[in-house]
Amino acid sequence: IILDEAMRKKYLAVVEPAFLHFGGTFASEGMLAAYTLGRPWHIGAKSFVEQHMGRCEAVFRQQCAPEVVPLVPEASYLLWLDCTALGISDPARFFREEAGVIL
C-alpha cells in the first residue's frame, strides 16, 4: 500500500506496463532491480560457473577418469557426466554400491 498518491502513480507507471503490480511489492521491486541492475551480477555468476565447469572437466580428464566425458551445460549449472565409455553394465548399481553415489 502506497499512501502517497504521487509516489503510487510513479510506482504504477513503472510496474503496470510489465504487469508487475499484481504481485507483492518486495517481489516487484526485486524483479525490477534484477532486470535493471542485475547484469553485472549475471555476468559474474556466469563467469564463476564457467570457470568451475572448466576445472571440473580438467579434474576428470587428468586425475579421475579420462573416459568420463563432462557434458558442459548450456543453460544450467549442473554438470552431467557421460560414463558410457566406462562400459558398466548396470550403472545404477555401480554408482549406488561401488561409488556410493545415488542417482
PDB file of N, CA and C in Angstrom:
ATOM      1  N   ILE A   1       0.858  -1.175   0.000  1.00  0.00           N
ATOM      2  CA  ILE A   1       0.000   0.000   0.000  1.00  0.00           C
ATOM      3  C   ILE A   1       0.897   1.229   0.000  1.00  0.00           C
ATOM      4  N   ILE A   2       0.709   2.057  -1.004  1.00  0.00           N
ATOM      5  CA  ILE A   2       1.483   3.295  -1.096  1.00  0.00           C
ATOM      6  C   ILE A   2       0.495   4.444  -0.890  1.00  0.00           C
ATOM      7  N   LEU A   3       0.560   5.044   0.278  1.00  0.00           N
ATOM      8  CA  LEU A   3      -0.397   6.080   0.630  1.00  0.00           C
ATOM      9  C   LEU A   3      -0.179   7.369  -0.148  1.00  0.00           C
ATOM     10  N   ASP A   4       1.044   7.740  -0.387  1.00  0.00           N
ATOM     11  CA  ASP A   4       1.348   8.967  -1.119  1.00  0.00           C
ATOM     12  C   ASP A   4       0.945   8.782  -2.583  1.00  0.00           C
ATOM     13  N   GLU A   5      -0.017   9.595  -3.039  1.00  0.00           N
ATOM     14  CA  GLU A   5      -0.568   9.410  -4.380  1.00  0.00           C
ATOM     15  C   GLU A   5       0.471   9.617  -5.481  1.00  0.00           C
ATOM     16  N   ALA A   6       1.323  10.604  -5.344  1.00  0.00           N
ATOM     17  CA  ALA A   6       2.348  10.853  -6.362  1.00  0.00           C
ATOM     18  C   ALA A   6       3.322   9.690  -6.435  1.00  0.00           C
ATOM     19  N   MET A   7       3.714   9.157  -5.285  1.00  0.00           N
ATOM     20  CA  MET A   7       4.635   8.027  -5.259  1.00  0.00           C
ATOM     21  C   MET A   7       3.965   6.783  -5.839  1.00  0.00           C
ATOM     22  N   ARG A   8       2.669   6.593  -5.520  1.00  0.00           N
ATOM     23  CA  ARG A   8       1.930   5.445  -6.029  1.00  0.00           C
ATOM     24  C   ARG A   8       1.851   5.508  -7.563  1.00  0.00           C
ATOM     25  N   LYS A   9       1.567   6.709  -8.123  1.00  0.00           N
ATOM     26  CA  LYS A   9       1.481   6.868  -9.571  1.00  0.00           C
ATOM     27  C   LYS A   9       2.840   6.578 -10.225  1.00  0.00           C
ATOM     28  N   LYS A  10       3.903   7.050  -9.593  1.00  0.00           N
ATOM     29  CA  LYS A  10       5.248   6.810 -10.116  1.00  0.00           C
ATOM     30  C   LYS A  10       5.560   5.310 -10.117  1.00  0.00           C
ATOM     31  N   TYR A  11       5.208   4.649  -9.027  1.00  0.00           N
ATOM     32  CA  TYR A  11       5.426   3.210  -8.901  1.00  0.00           C
ATOM     33  C   TYR A  11       4.631   2.455  -9.968  1.00  0.00           C
ATOM     34  N   LEU A  12       3.350   2.780 -10.109  1.00  0.00           N
ATOM     35  CA  LEU A  12       2.499   2.085 -11.075  1.00  0.00           C
ATOM     36  C   LEU A  12       2.940   2.351 -12.509  1.00  0.00           C
ATOM     37  N   ALA A  13       3.467   3.537 -12.776  1.00  0.00           N
ATOM     38  CA  ALA A  13       3.952   3.852 -14.122  1.00  0.00           C
ATOM     39  C   ALA A  13       5.096   2.923 -14.522  1.00  0.00           C
ATOM     40  N   VAL A  14       5.856   2.465 -13.542  1.00  0.00           N
ATOM     41  CA  VAL A  14       6.969   1.568 -13.826  1.00  0.00           C
ATOM     42  C   VAL A  14       6.505   0.114 -13.894  1.00  0.00           C
ATOM     43  N   VAL A  15       5.646  -0.304 -12.981  1.00  0.00           N
ATOM     44  CA  VAL A  15       5.303  -1.724 -12.886  1.00  0.00           C
ATOM     45  C   VAL A  15       4.120  -2.156 -13.742  1.00  0.00           C
ATOM     46  N   GLU A  16       3.170  -1.268 -14.010  1.00  0.00           N
ATOM     47  CA  GLU A  16       1.984  -1.677 -14.776  1.00  0.00           C
ATOM     48  C   GLU A  16       2.298  -2.140 -16.200  1.00  0.00           C
ATOM     49  N   PRO A  17       3.187  -1.472 -16.949  1.00  0.00           N
ATOM     50  CA  PRO A  17       3.456  -1.951 -18.310  1.00  0.00           C
ATOM     51  C   PRO A  17       3.984  -3.387 -18.351  1.00  0.00           C
ATOM     52  N   ALA A  18       4.640  -3.815 -17.301  1.00  0.00           N
ATOM     53  CA  ALA A  18       5.171  -5.184 -17.248  1.00  0.00           C
ATOM     54  C   ALA A  18       4.269  -6.106 -16.439  1.00  0.00           C
ATOM     55  N   PHE A  19       3.091  -5.642 -16.064  1.00  0.00           N
ATOM     56  CA  PHE A  19       2.123  -6.415 -15.275  1.00  0.00           C
ATOM     57  C   PHE A  19       2.702  -6.893 -13.948  1.00  0.00           C
ATOM     58  N   LEU A  20       3.566  -6.080 -13.358  1.00  0.00           N
ATOM     59  CA  LEU A  20       4.188  -6.447 -12.093  1.00  0.00           C
ATOM     60  C   LEU A  20       3.373  -5.981 -10.887  1.00  0.00           C
ATOM     61  N   HIS A  21       2.332  -5.245 -11.105  1.00  0.00           N
ATOM     62  CA  HIS A  21       1.560  -4.694  -9.994  1.00  0.00           C
ATOM     63  C   HIS A  21       0.624  -5.707  -9.354  1.00  0.00           C
ATOM     64  N   PHE A  22       0.562  -6.901  -9.895  1.00  0.00           N
ATOM     65  CA  PHE A  22      -0.305  -7.927  -9.305  1.00  0.00           C
ATOM     66  C   PHE A  22       0.364  -8.657  -8.152  1.00  0.00           C
ATOM     67  N   GLY A  23       1.697  -8.654  -8.100  1.00  0.00           N
ATOM     68  CA  GLY A  23       2.422  -9.369  -7.051  1.00  0.00           C
ATOM     69  C   GLY A  23       2.684  -8.476  -5.856  1.00  0.00           C
ATOM     70  N   GLY A  24       3.453  -8.992  -4.921  1.00  0.00           N
ATOM     71  CA  GLY A  24       3.820  -8.228  -3.745  1.00  0.00           C
ATOM     72  C   GLY A  24       4.846  -7.151  -4.082  1.00  0.00           C
ATOM     73  N   THR A  25       4.903  -6.137  -3.281  1.00  0.00           N
ATOM     74  CA  THR A  25       5.817  -5.025  -3.512  1.00  0.00           C
ATOM     75  C   THR A  25       7.260  -5.489  -3.513  1.00  0.00           C
ATOM     76  N   PHE A  26       7.636  -6.327  -2.563  1.00  0.00           N
ATOM     77  CA  PHE A  26       9.017  -6.782  -2.494  1.00  0.00           C
ATOM     78  C   PHE A  26       9.395  -7.614  -3.721  1.00  0.00           C
ATOM     79  N   ALA A  27       8.478  -8.468  -4.164  1.00  0.00           N
ATOM     80  CA  ALA A  27       8.749  -9.270  -5.356  1.00  0.00           C
ATOM     81  C   ALA A  27       8.914  -8.375  -6.575  1.00  0.00           C
ATOM     82  N   SER A  28       8.042  -7.397  -6.713  1.00  0.00           N
ATOM     83  CA  SER A  28       8.124  -6.479  -7.848  1.00  0.00           C
ATOM     84  C   SER A  28       9.413  -5.675  -7.814  1.00  0.00           C
ATOM     85  N   GLU A  29       9.756  -5.155  -6.656  1.00  0.00           N
ATOM     86  CA  GLU A  29      10.995  -4.376  -6.540  1.00  0.00           C
ATOM     87  C   GLU A  29      12.214  -5.238  -6.819  1.00  0.00           C
ATOM     88  N   GLY A  30      12.191  -6.468  -6.342  1.00  0.00           N
ATOM     89  CA  GLY A  30      13.299  -7.382  -6.598  1.00  0.00           C
ATOM     90  C   GLY A  30      13.435  -7.690  -8.082  1.00  0.00           C
ATOM     91  N   MET A  31      12.304  -7.904  -8.754  1.00  0.00           N
ATOM     92  CA  MET A  31      12.336  -8.188 -10.177  1.00  0.00           C
ATOM     93  C   MET A  31      12.831  -6.974 -10.961  1.00  0.00           C
ATOM     94  N   LEU A  32      12.338  -5.801 -10.601  1.00  0.00           N
ATOM     95  CA  LEU A  32      12.792  -4.587 -11.285  1.00  0.00           C
ATOM     96  C   LEU A  32      14.286  -4.369 -11.075  1.00  0.00           C
ATOM     97  N   ALA A  33      14.756  -4.603  -9.869  1.00  0.00           N
ATOM     98  CA  ALA A  33      16.187  -4.442  -9.594  1.00  0.00           C
ATOM     99  C   ALA A  33      16.999  -5.442 -10.406  1.00  0.00           C
ATOM    100  N   ALA A  34      16.521  -6.668 -10.495  1.00  0.00           N
ATOM    101  CA  ALA A  34      17.247  -7.686 -11.254  1.00  0.00           C
ATOM    102  C   ALA A  34      17.334  -7.312 -12.733  1.00  0.00           C
ATOM    103  N   TYR A  35      16.231  -6.840 -13.281  1.00  0.00           N
ATOM    104  CA  TYR A  35      16.229  -6.510 -14.699  1.00  0.00           C
ATOM    105  C   TYR A  35      16.977  -5.219 -15.007  1.00  0.00           C
ATOM    106  N   THR A  36      17.005  -4.288 -14.087  1.00  0.00           N
ATOM    107  CA  THR A  36      17.665  -3.017 -14.375  1.00  0.00           C
ATOM    108  C   THR A  36      19.104  -2.954 -13.864  1.00  0.00           C
ATOM    109  N   LEU A  37      19.412  -3.665 -12.789  1.00  0.00           N
ATOM    110  CA  LEU A  37      20.744  -3.570 -12.188  1.00  0.00           C
ATOM    111  C   LEU A  37      21.481  -4.905 -12.117  1.00  0.00           C
ATOM    112  N   GLY A  38      20.854  -5.972 -12.585  1.00  0.00           N
ATOM    113  CA  GLY A  38      21.403  -7.303 -12.370  1.00  0.00           C
ATOM    114  C   GLY A  38      22.430  -7.788 -13.382  1.00  0.00           C
ATOM    115  N   ARG A  39      22.642  -7.053 -14.450  1.00  0.00           N
ATOM    116  CA  ARG A  39      23.564  -7.535 -15.486  1.00  0.00           C
ATOM    117  C   ARG A  39      24.974  -7.808 -14.962  1.00  0.00           C
ATOM    118  N   PRO A  40      25.590  -6.911 -14.188  1.00  0.00           N
ATOM    119  CA  PRO A  40      26.927  -7.220 -13.675  1.00  0.00           C
ATOM    120  C   PRO A  40      26.949  -8.497 -12.824  1.00  0.00           C
ATOM    121  N   TRP A  41      25.920  -8.697 -11.998  1.00  0.00           N
ATOM    122  CA  TRP A  41      25.854  -9.921 -11.191  1.00  0.00           C
ATOM    123  C   TRP A  41      25.734 -11.129 -12.116  1.00  0.00           C
ATOM    124  N   HIS A  42      24.869 -11.050 -13.126  1.00  0.00           N
ATOM    125  CA  HIS A  42      24.647 -12.156 -14.040  1.00  0.00           C
ATOM    126  C   HIS A  42      25.934 -12.522 -14.776  1.00  0.00           C
ATOM    127  N   ILE A  43      26.658 -11.524 -15.241  1.00  0.00           N
ATOM    128  CA  ILE A  43      27.926 -11.769 -15.936  1.00  0.00           C
ATOM    129  C   ILE A  43      28.918 -12.446 -14.992  1.00  0.00           C
ATOM    130  N   GLY A  44      28.994 -11.959 -13.754  1.00  0.00           N
ATOM    131  CA  GLY A  44      29.893 -12.564 -12.767  1.00  0.00           C
ATOM    132  C   GLY A  44      29.503 -13.988 -12.421  1.00  0.00           C
ATOM    133  N   ALA A  45      28.207 -14.240 -12.276  1.00  0.00           N
ATOM    134  CA  ALA A  45      27.732 -15.587 -11.947  1.00  0.00           C
ATOM    135  C   ALA A  45      28.036 -16.557 -13.081  1.00  0.00           C
ATOM    136  N   LYS A  46      27.792 -16.132 -14.325  1.00  0.00           N
ATOM    137  CA  LYS A  46      28.097 -16.989 -15.472  1.00  0.00           C
ATOM    138  C   LYS A  46      29.588 -17.296 -15.548  1.00  0.00           C
ATOM    139  N   SER A  47      30.406 -16.289 -15.317  1.00  0.00           N
ATOM    140  CA  SER A  47      31.858 -16.479 -15.360  1.00  0.00           C
ATOM    141  C   SER A  47      32.295 -17.472 -14.283  1.00  0.00           C
ATOM    142  N   PHE A  48      31.738 -17.336 -13.080  1.00  0.00           N
ATOM    143  CA  PHE A  48      32.051 -18.228 -11.966  1.00  0.00           C
ATOM    144  C   PHE A  48      31.712 -19.673 -12.332  1.00  0.00           C
ATOM    145  N   VAL A  49      30.509 -19.887 -12.864  1.00  0.00           N
ATOM    146  CA  VAL A  49      30.075 -21.237 -13.229  1.00  0.00           C
ATOM    147  C   VAL A  49      30.948 -21.797 -14.354  1.00  0.00           C
ATOM    148  N   GLU A  50      31.237 -20.977 -15.372  1.00  0.00           N
ATOM    149  CA  GLU A  50      32.059 -21.439 -16.491  1.00  0.00           C
ATOM    150  C   GLU A  50      33.459 -21.826 -16.031  1.00  0.00           C
ATOM    151  N   GLN A  51      34.042 -21.051 -15.137  1.00  0.00           N
ATOM    152  CA  GLN A  51      35.377 -21.374 -14.622  1.00  0.00           C
ATOM    153  C   GLN A  51      35.365 -22.698 -13.865  1.00  0.00           C
ATOM    154  N   HIS A  52      34.347 -22.884 -13.038  1.00  0.00           N
ATOM    155  CA  HIS A  52      34.264 -24.125 -12.273  1.00  0.00           C
ATOM    156  C   HIS A  52      33.976 -25.325 -13.161  1.00  0.00           C
ATOM    157  N   MET A  53      33.194 -25.131 -14.209  1.00  0.00           N
ATOM    158  CA  MET A  53      32.948 -26.226 -15.147  1.00  0.00           C
ATOM    159  C   MET A  53      34.269 -26.632 -15.803  1.00  0.00           C
ATOM    160  N   GLY A  54      35.058 -25.661 -16.197  1.00  0.00           N
ATOM    161  CA  GLY A  54      36.358 -25.949 -16.800  1.00  0.00           C
ATOM    162  C   GLY A  54      37.267 -26.700 -15.857  1.00  0.00           C
ATOM    163  N   ARG A  55      37.261 -26.309 -14.591  1.00  0.00           N
ATOM    164  CA  ARG A  55      38.079 -27.004 -13.597  1.00  0.00           C
ATOM    165  C   ARG A  55      37.600 -28.438 -13.397  1.00  0.00           C
ATOM    166  N   CYS A  56      36.287 -28.631 -13.377  1.00  0.00           N
ATOM    167  CA  CYS A  56      35.737 -29.989 -13.222  1.00  0.00           C
ATOM    168  C   CYS A  56      36.137 -30.860 -14.402  1.00  0.00           C
ATOM    169  N   GLU A  57      36.037 -30.311 -15.610  1.00  0.00           N
ATOM    170  CA  GLU A  57      36.440 -31.072 -16.795  1.00  0.00           C
ATOM    171  C   GLU A  57      37.905 -31.490 -16.694  1.00  0.00           C
ATOM    172  N   ALA A  58      38.748 -30.558 -16.297  1.00  0.00           N
ATOM    173  CA  ALA A  58      40.187 -30.850 -16.194  1.00  0.00           C
ATOM    174  C   ALA A  58      40.455 -31.932 -15.158  1.00  0.00           C
ATOM    175  N   VAL A  59      39.790 -31.869 -14.027  1.00  0.00           N
ATOM    176  CA  VAL A  59      39.997 -32.873 -12.974  1.00  0.00           C
ATOM    177  C   VAL A  59      39.581 -34.252 -13.475  1.00  0.00           C
ATOM    178  N   PHE A  60      38.437 -34.350 -14.147  1.00  0.00           N
ATOM    179  CA  PHE A  60      38.003 -35.653 -14.649  1.00  0.00           C
ATOM    180  C   PHE A  60      38.975 -36.184 -15.685  1.00  0.00           C
ATOM    181  N   ARG A  61      39.424 -35.337 -16.580  1.00  0.00           N
ATOM    182  CA  ARG A  61      40.310 -35.791 -17.662  1.00  0.00           C
ATOM    183  C   ARG A  61      41.711 -36.138 -17.164  1.00  0.00           C
ATOM    184  N   GLN A  62      42.215 -35.392 -16.186  1.00  0.00           N
ATOM    185  CA  GLN A  62      43.604 -35.559 -15.766  1.00  0.00           C
ATOM    186  C   GLN A  62      43.775 -36.437 -14.532  1.00  0.00           C
ATOM    187  N   GLN A  63      42.814 -36.414 -13.610  1.00  0.00           N
ATOM    188  CA  GLN A  63      43.023 -37.075 -12.328  1.00  0.00           C
ATOM    189  C   GLN A  63      42.067 -38.226 -12.051  1.00  0.00           C
ATOM    190  N   CYS A  64      40.896 -38.190 -12.600  1.00  0.00           N
ATOM    191  CA  CYS A  64      39.896 -39.202 -12.229  1.00  0.00           C
ATOM    192  C   CYS A  64      39.739 -40.282 -13.283  1.00  0.00           C
ATOM    193  N   ALA A  65      38.979 -39.974 -14.284  1.00  0.00           N
ATOM    194  CA  ALA A  65      38.670 -40.972 -15.299  1.00  0.00           C
ATOM    195  C   ALA A  65      38.574 -40.281 -16.652  1.00  0.00           C
ATOM    196  N   PRO A  66      39.614 -40.377 -17.455  1.00  0.00           N
ATOM    197  CA  PRO A  66      39.565 -39.714 -18.750  1.00  0.00           C
ATOM    198  C   PRO A  66      38.448 -40.237 -19.655  1.00  0.00           C
ATOM    199  N   GLU A  67      37.932 -41.423 -19.353  1.00  0.00           N
ATOM    200  CA  GLU A  67      36.829 -41.980 -20.145  1.00  0.00           C
ATOM    201  C   GLU A  67      35.517 -41.239 -19.897  1.00  0.00           C
ATOM    202  N   VAL A  68      35.405 -40.621 -18.733  1.00  0.00           N
ATOM    203  CA  VAL A  68      34.181 -39.893 -18.380  1.00  0.00           C
ATOM    204  C   VAL A  68      34.208 -38.547 -19.098  1.00  0.00           C
ATOM    205  N   VAL A  69      33.150 -38.285 -19.855  1.00  0.00           N
ATOM    206  CA  VAL A  69      33.076 -37.056 -20.642  1.00  0.00           C
ATOM    207  C   VAL A  69      32.091 -36.100 -19.992  1.00  0.00           C
ATOM    208  N   PRO A  70      32.569 -34.989 -19.444  1.00  0.00           N
ATOM    209  CA  PRO A  70      31.654 -33.990 -18.892  1.00  0.00           C
ATOM    210  C   PRO A  70      30.879 -33.317 -20.023  1.00  0.00           C
ATOM    211  N   LEU A  71      29.584 -33.195 -19.847  1.00  0.00           N
ATOM    212  CA  LEU A  71      28.732 -32.521 -20.826  1.00  0.00           C
ATOM    213  C   LEU A  71      28.472 -31.117 -20.309  1.00  0.00           C
ATOM    214  N   VAL A  72      29.130 -30.162 -20.911  1.00  0.00           N
ATOM    215  CA  VAL A  72      29.034 -28.774 -20.453  1.00  0.00           C
ATOM    216  C   VAL A  72      27.618 -28.278 -20.701  1.00  0.00           C
ATOM    217  N   PRO A  73      26.978 -27.770 -19.679  1.00  0.00           N
ATOM    218  CA  PRO A  73      25.587 -27.328 -19.813  1.00  0.00           C
ATOM    219  C   PRO A  73      25.468 -26.042 -20.617  1.00  0.00           C
ATOM    220  N   GLU A  74      24.309 -25.868 -21.231  1.00  0.00           N
ATOM    221  CA  GLU A  74      24.042 -24.650 -21.977  1.00  0.00           C
ATOM    222  C   GLU A  74      23.207 -23.668 -21.174  1.00  0.00           C
ATOM    223  N   ALA A  75      22.403 -24.155 -20.257  1.00  0.00           N
ATOM    224  CA  ALA A  75      21.519 -23.254 -19.527  1.00  0.00           C
ATOM    225  C   ALA A  75      21.327 -23.711 -18.086  1.00  0.00           C
ATOM    226  N   SER A  76      22.377 -24.195 -17.474  1.00  0.00           N
ATOM    227  CA  SER A  76      22.268 -24.713 -16.120  1.00  0.00           C
ATOM    228  C   SER A  76      23.638 -24.678 -15.471  1.00  0.00           C
ATOM    229  N   TYR A  77      23.666 -24.967 -14.206  1.00  0.00           N
ATOM    230  CA  TYR A  77      24.941 -25.093 -13.503  1.00  0.00           C
ATOM    231  C   TYR A  77      25.216 -26.548 -13.150  1.00  0.00           C
ATOM    232  N   LEU A  78      24.372 -27.455 -13.632  1.00  0.00           N
ATOM    233  CA  LEU A  78      24.563 -28.874 -13.374  1.00  0.00           C
ATOM    234  C   LEU A  78      25.492 -29.456 -14.423  1.00  0.00           C
ATOM    235  N   LEU A  79      26.484 -30.196 -13.997  1.00  0.00           N
ATOM    236  CA  LEU A  79      27.428 -30.827 -14.908  1.00  0.00           C
ATOM    237  C   LEU A  79      27.067 -32.307 -15.016  1.00  0.00           C
ATOM    238  N   TRP A  80      26.616 -32.714 -16.196  1.00  0.00           N
ATOM    239  CA  TRP A  80      26.281 -34.104 -16.431  1.00  0.00           C
ATOM    240  C   TRP A  80      27.523 -34.836 -16.893  1.00  0.00           C
ATOM    241  N   LEU A  81      27.632 -36.088 -16.514  1.00  0.00           N
ATOM    242  CA  LEU A  81      28.799 -36.893 -16.859  1.00  0.00           C
ATOM    243  C   LEU A  81      28.370 -38.078 -17.716  1.00  0.00           C
ATOM    244  N   ASP A  82      28.943 -38.175 -18.908  1.00  0.00           N
ATOM    245  CA  ASP A  82      28.676 -39.308 -19.793  1.00  0.00           C
ATOM    246  C   ASP A  82      29.675 -40.407 -19.437  1.00  0.00           C
ATOM    247  N   CYS A  83      29.170 -41.466 -18.820  1.00  0.00           N
ATOM    248  CA  CYS A  83      30.023 -42.564 -18.357  1.00  0.00           C
ATOM    249  C   CYS A  83      29.939 -43.779 -19.270  1.00  0.00           C
ATOM    250  N   THR A  84      29.415 -43.605 -20.474  1.00  0.00           N
ATOM    251  CA  THR A  84      29.238 -44.707 -21.416  1.00  0.00           C
ATOM    252  C   THR A  84      30.540 -45.457 -21.660  1.00  0.00           C
ATOM    253  N   ALA A  85      31.637 -44.722 -21.827  1.00  0.00           N
ATOM    254  CA  ALA A  85      32.930 -45.353 -22.161  1.00  0.00           C
ATOM    255  C   ALA A  85      33.472 -46.222 -21.038  1.00  0.00           C
ATOM    256  N   LEU A  86      32.906 -46.137 -19.849  1.00  0.00           N
ATOM    257  CA  LEU A  86      33.351 -46.993 -18.742  1.00  0.00           C
ATOM    258  C   LEU A  86      32.899 -48.438 -18.936  1.00  0.00           C
ATOM    259  N   GLY A  87      31.890 -48.641 -19.790  1.00  0.00           N
ATOM    260  CA  GLY A  87      31.423 -49.998 -20.082  1.00  0.00           C
ATOM    261  C   GLY A  87      30.749 -50.681 -18.908  1.00  0.00           C
ATOM    262  N   ILE A  88      30.095 -49.945 -18.077  1.00  0.00           N
ATOM    263  CA  ILE A  88      29.413 -50.503 -16.898  1.00  0.00           C
ATOM    264  C   ILE A  88      28.070 -51.076 -17.347  1.00  0.00           C
ATOM    265  N   SER A  89      27.834 -52.350 -17.040  1.00  0.00           N
ATOM    266  CA  SER A  89      26.596 -52.992 -17.483  1.00  0.00           C
ATOM    267  C   SER A  89      25.373 -52.497 -16.709  1.00  0.00           C
ATOM    268  N   ASP A  90      25.547 -52.204 -15.427  1.00  0.00           N
ATOM    269  CA  ASP A  90      24.433 -51.722 -14.606  1.00  0.00           C
ATOM    270  C   ASP A  90      24.889 -50.443 -13.880  1.00  0.00           C
ATOM    271  N   PRO A  91      24.802 -49.307 -14.557  1.00  0.00           N
ATOM    272  CA  PRO A  91      25.316 -48.060 -13.973  1.00  0.00           C
ATOM    273  C   PRO A  91      24.657 -47.688 -12.638  1.00  0.00           C
ATOM    274  N   ALA A  92      23.349 -47.908 -12.505  1.00  0.00           N
ATOM    275  CA  ALA A  92      22.669 -47.549 -11.257  1.00  0.00           C
ATOM    276  C   ALA A  92      23.251 -48.339 -10.087  1.00  0.00           C
ATOM    277  N   ARG A  93      23.439 -49.651 -10.266  1.00  0.00           N
ATOM    278  CA  ARG A  93      24.006 -50.474  -9.212  1.00  0.00           C
ATOM    279  C   ARG A  93      25.454 -50.070  -8.916  1.00  0.00           C
ATOM    280  N   PHE A  94      26.238 -49.855  -9.974  1.00  0.00           N
ATOM    281  CA  PHE A  94      27.635 -49.482  -9.784  1.00  0.00           C
ATOM    282  C   PHE A  94      27.757 -48.193  -8.974  1.00  0.00           C
ATOM    283  N   PHE A  95      27.037 -47.163  -9.396  1.00  0.00           N
ATOM    284  CA  PHE A  95      27.165 -45.880  -8.702  1.00  0.00           C
ATOM    285  C   PHE A  95      26.623 -45.949  -7.282  1.00  0.00           C
ATOM    286  N   ARG A  96      25.570 -46.714  -7.073  1.00  0.00           N
ATOM    287  CA  ARG A  96      24.990 -46.836  -5.736  1.00  0.00           C
ATOM    288  C   ARG A  96      25.896 -47.655  -4.809  1.00  0.00           C
ATOM    289  N   GLU A  97      26.316 -48.826  -5.264  1.00  0.00           N
ATOM    290  CA  GLU A  97      27.023 -49.776  -4.395  1.00  0.00           C
ATOM    291  C   GLU A  97      28.534 -49.619  -4.414  1.00  0.00           C
ATOM    292  N   GLU A  98      29.107 -49.324  -5.551  1.00  0.00           N
ATOM    293  CA  GLU A  98      30.570 -49.230  -5.659  1.00  0.00           C
ATOM    294  C   GLU A  98      31.084 -47.813  -5.403  1.00  0.00           C
ATOM    295  N   ALA A  99      30.406 -46.838  -5.998  1.00  0.00           N
ATOM    296  CA  ALA A  99      30.872 -45.451  -5.896  1.00  0.00           C
ATOM    297  C   ALA A  99      30.230 -44.687  -4.749  1.00  0.00           C
ATOM    298  N   GLY A 100      29.138 -45.215  -4.217  1.00  0.00           N
ATOM    299  CA  GLY A 100      28.450 -44.525  -3.117  1.00  0.00           C
ATOM    300  C   GLY A 100      27.697 -43.285  -3.549  1.00  0.00           C
ATOM    301  N   VAL A 101      27.263 -43.300  -4.804  1.00  0.00           N
ATOM    302  CA  VAL A 101      26.514 -42.153  -5.355  1.00  0.00           C
ATOM    303  C   VAL A 101      25.119 -42.654  -5.725  1.00  0.00           C
ATOM    304  N   ILE A 102      24.108 -41.990  -5.198  1.00  0.00           N
ATOM    305  CA  ILE A 102      22.741 -42.363  -5.539  1.00  0.00           C
ATOM    306  C   ILE A 102      22.226 -41.356  -6.554  1.00  0.00           C
ATOM    307  N   LEU A 103      21.849 -41.868  -7.706  1.00  0.00           N
ATOM    308  CA  LEU A 103      21.372 -41.013  -8.805  1.00  0.00           C
ATOM    309  C   LEU A 103      19.891 -40.790  -8.709  1.00  0.00           C
TER     310      LEU A 103
END
